[in-house]
Amino acid sequence: MEIINFKFDKPWYRQSELLEKLSMSNACLKRFMAEHLKGGGTLSDMGYLKFEGFKEACWDPIKHTAWLIEHKLEKEPKYDYELAEQKRVRMNVVNLNNQNKERRKQYE
């Protein structure tokens, strides 16, 4: 897969700036951080920087986008059976949602 090249004008960004630049919510970033820590990683793997005197955490944008691409970007299916598995999983989610809606209607 080609690496997506972002151009950043600063060596690091405050967390709020990075979230705005990458169009990501704070909740999403916090979830990614918690998952990575739970998996045994460190926040510095993700580009996290904490400077003395800064109220807000900072991020290395190049390291963070590389981490996002490596760990969170959905891979395109390479084989037919992978595509079929993705469709099956999506249909299971849709069916589960429909079943839950029907159950709620029964209890109303």
C-alpha atoms as a PDB file:
ATOM      1  CA  MET A   1       0.000   0.000   0.000  1.00  0.00           C
ATOM      2  CA  GLU A   2       1.225   3.470  -0.753  1.00  0.00           C
ATOM      3  CA  ILE A   3       2.029   5.614   2.234  1.00  0.00           C
ATOM      4  CA  ILE A   4      -0.154   8.680   2.419  1.00  0.00           C
ATOM      5  CA  ASN A   5       2.042  11.774   2.644  1.00  0.00           C
ATOM      6  CA  PHE A   6       0.732  14.600   4.789  1.00  0.00           C
ATOM      7  CA  LYS A   7       2.492  17.927   4.904  1.00  0.00           C
ATOM      8  CA  PHE A   8       2.812  19.488   8.338  1.00  0.00           C
ATOM      9  CA  ASP A   9       4.131  22.971   8.997  1.00  0.00           C
ATOM     10  CA  LYS A  10       5.266  22.354  12.601  1.00  0.00           C
ATOM     11  CA  PRO A  11       7.361  19.603  14.239  1.00  0.00           C
ATOM     12  CA  TRP A  12       4.627  18.962  16.823  1.00  0.00           C
ATOM     13  CA  TYR A  13       1.053  20.018  17.456  1.00  0.00           C
ATOM     14  CA  ARG A  14      -0.946  20.477  20.598  1.00  0.00           C
ATOM     15  CA  GLN A  15      -3.559  17.738  20.865  1.00  0.00           C
ATOM     16  CA  SER A  16      -6.463  20.031  19.974  1.00  0.00           C
ATOM     17  CA  GLU A  17      -4.609  21.263  16.872  1.00  0.00           C
ATOM     18  CA  LEU A  18      -3.797  17.728  15.744  1.00  0.00           C
ATOM     19  CA  LEU A  19      -7.395  16.594  16.185  1.00  0.00           C
ATOM     20  CA  GLU A  20      -8.607  19.490  14.073  1.00  0.00           C
ATOM     21  CA  LYS A  21      -5.963  18.939  11.396  1.00  0.00           C
ATOM     22  CA  LEU A  22      -6.748  15.197  11.123  1.00  0.00           C
ATOM     23  CA  SER A  23     -10.529  15.628  11.509  1.00  0.00           C
ATOM     24  CA  MET A  24     -10.558  13.247  14.450  1.00  0.00           C
ATOM     25  CA  SER A  25     -12.587  13.476  17.634  1.00  0.00           C
ATOM     26  CA  ASN A  26     -11.023  13.555  21.072  1.00  0.00           C
ATOM     27  CA  ALA A  27     -13.031  10.472  22.060  1.00  0.00           C
ATOM     28  CA  CYS A  28     -11.636   8.546  19.098  1.00  0.00           C
ATOM     29  CA  LEU A  29      -8.062   9.489  19.981  1.00  0.00           C
ATOM     30  CA  LYS A  30      -8.609   8.549  23.642  1.00  0.00           C
ATOM     31  CA  ARG A  31     -10.018   5.173  22.550  1.00  0.00           C
ATOM     32  CA  PHE A  32      -7.005   4.535  20.299  1.00  0.00           C
ATOM     33  CA  MET A  33      -4.684   5.492  23.160  1.00  0.00           C
ATOM     34  CA  ALA A  34      -6.427   3.144  25.608  1.00  0.00           C
ATOM     35  CA  GLU A  35      -6.407   0.249  23.129  1.00  0.00           C
ATOM     36  CA  HIS A  36      -2.724   0.756  22.396  1.00  0.00           C
ATOM     37  CA  LEU A  37      -1.811   0.888  26.095  1.00  0.00           C
ATOM     38  CA  LYS A  38      -3.925  -2.196  26.805  1.00  0.00           C
ATOM     39  CA  GLY A  39      -2.080  -4.013  24.014  1.00  0.00           C
ATOM     40  CA  GLY A  40       1.250  -3.310  25.706  1.00  0.00           C
ATOM     41  CA  GLY A  41       2.347  -0.326  23.627  1.00  0.00           C
ATOM     42  CA  THR A  42       3.422   3.094  24.800  1.00  0.00           C
ATOM     43  CA  LEU A  43       1.922   6.438  23.887  1.00  0.00           C
ATOM     44  CA  SER A  44       5.265   7.566  22.488  1.00  0.00           C
ATOM     45  CA  ASP A  45       4.808   4.829  19.844  1.00  0.00           C
ATOM     46  CA  MET A  46       1.848   6.889  18.656  1.00  0.00           C
ATOM     47  CA  GLY A  47       3.762  10.176  18.623  1.00  0.00           C
ATOM     48  CA  TYR A  48       2.656  11.427  22.050  1.00  0.00           C
ATOM     49  CA  LEU A  49       4.880  14.116  23.602  1.00  0.00           C
ATOM     50  CA  LYS A  50       4.517  15.752  27.006  1.00  0.00           C
ATOM     51  CA  PHE A  51       6.484  18.963  27.532  1.00  0.00           C
ATOM     52  CA  GLU A  52       7.007  20.668  30.879  1.00  0.00           C
ATOM     53  CA  GLY A  53       5.050  23.892  31.036  1.00  0.00           C
ATOM     54  CA  PHE A  54       2.510  22.892  28.361  1.00  0.00           C
ATOM     55  CA  LYS A  55      -1.001  22.448  29.684  1.00  0.00           C
ATOM     56  CA  GLU A  56      -1.927  20.285  26.728  1.00  0.00           C
ATOM     57  CA  ALA A  57      -0.192  17.166  25.430  1.00  0.00           C
ATOM     58  CA  CYS A  58       1.606  17.475  22.109  1.00  0.00           C
ATOM     59  CA  TRP A  59       1.934  15.049  19.228  1.00  0.00           C
ATOM     60  CA  ASP A  60       4.507  14.333  16.551  1.00  0.00           C
ATOM     61  CA  PRO A  61       2.169  14.463  13.533  1.00  0.00           C
ATOM     62  CA  ILE A  62       4.360  12.383  11.223  1.00  0.00           C
ATOM     63  CA  LYS A  63       4.793   9.591  13.763  1.00  0.00           C
ATOM     64  CA  HIS A  64       1.091   9.698  14.636  1.00  0.00           C
ATOM     65  CA  THR A  65      -0.136   9.467  11.038  1.00  0.00           C
ATOM     66  CA  ALA A  66       2.317   6.606  10.379  1.00  0.00           C
ATOM     67  CA  TRP A  67       0.908   4.831  13.456  1.00  0.00           C
ATOM     68  CA  LEU A  68      -2.669   5.426  12.279  1.00  0.00           C
ATOM     69  CA  ILE A  69      -1.905   4.038   8.833  1.00  0.00           C
ATOM     70  CA  GLU A  70      -0.156   0.980  10.249  1.00  0.00           C
ATOM     71  CA  HIS A  71      -2.633   0.144  13.014  1.00  0.00           C
ATOM     72  CA  LYS A  72      -6.028   1.619  12.132  1.00  0.00           C
ATOM     73  CA  LEU A  73      -6.329   1.855   8.361  1.00  0.00           C
ATOM     74  CA  GLU A  74      -8.596  -0.892   7.058  1.00  0.00           C
ATOM     75  CA  LYS A  75      -6.794  -3.090   4.592  1.00  0.00           C
ATOM     76  CA  GLU A  76      -8.430  -3.724   1.250  1.00  0.00           C
ATOM     77  CA  PRO A  77      -9.326  -7.377   0.816  1.00  0.00           C
ATOM     78  CA  LYS A  78      -6.802  -9.178  -1.320  1.00  0.00           C
ATOM     79  CA  TYR A  79      -8.744 -12.363  -1.976  1.00  0.00           C
ATOM     80  CA  ASP A  80     -12.387 -13.165  -2.702  1.00  0.00           C
ATOM     81  CA  TYR A  81     -12.795 -15.088   0.543  1.00  0.00           C
ATOM     82  CA  GLU A  82     -11.665 -12.002   2.518  1.00  0.00           C
ATOM     83  CA  LEU A  83     -14.283  -9.882   0.779  1.00  0.00           C
ATOM     84  CA  ALA A  84     -16.937 -12.529   1.449  1.00  0.00           C
ATOM     85  CA  GLU A  85     -15.940 -12.596   5.134  1.00  0.00           C
ATOM     86  CA  GLN A  86     -16.254  -8.799   5.387  1.00  0.00           C
ATOM     87  CA  LYS A  87     -19.717  -8.911   3.817  1.00  0.00           C
ATOM     88  CA  ARG A  88     -20.757 -11.735   6.173  1.00  0.00           C
ATOM     89  CA  VAL A  89     -19.610  -9.769   9.222  1.00  0.00           C
ATOM     90  CA  ARG A  90     -21.464  -6.637   8.057  1.00  0.00           C
ATOM     91  CA  MET A  91     -24.645  -8.629   7.485  1.00  0.00           C
ATOM     92  CA  ASN A  92     -24.361 -10.154  10.957  1.00  0.00           C
ATOM     93  CA  VAL A  93     -24.208  -6.654  12.440  1.00  0.00           C
ATOM     94  CA  VAL A  94     -27.228  -5.537  10.396  1.00  0.00           C
ATOM     95  CA  ASN A  95     -29.173  -8.655  11.403  1.00  0.00           C
ATOM     96  CA  LEU A  96     -28.272  -8.181  15.064  1.00  0.00           C
ATOM     97  CA  ASN A  97     -29.468  -4.560  14.947  1.00  0.00           C
ATOM     98  CA  ASN A  98     -32.735  -5.640  13.326  1.00  0.00           C
ATOM     99  CA  GLN A  99     -33.273  -8.336  15.952  1.00  0.00           C
ATOM    100  CA  ASN A 100     -32.661  -5.834  18.746  1.00  0.00           C
ATOM    101  CA  LYS A 101     -35.200  -3.432  17.213  1.00  0.00           C
ATOM    102  CA  GLU A 102     -37.796  -6.204  17.036  1.00  0.00           C
ATOM    103  CA  ARG A 103     -37.171  -7.158  20.667  1.00  0.00           C
ATOM    104  CA  ARG A 104     -37.604  -3.553  21.766  1.00  0.00           C
ATOM    105  CA  LYS A 105     -40.921  -3.359  19.887  1.00  0.00           C
ATOM    106  CA  GLN A 106     -42.115  -6.500  21.663  1.00  0.00           C
ATOM    107  CA  TYR A 107     -41.429  -4.991  25.072  1.00  0.00           C
ATOM    108  CA  GLU A 108     -43.118  -1.666  24.300  1.00  0.00           C
END
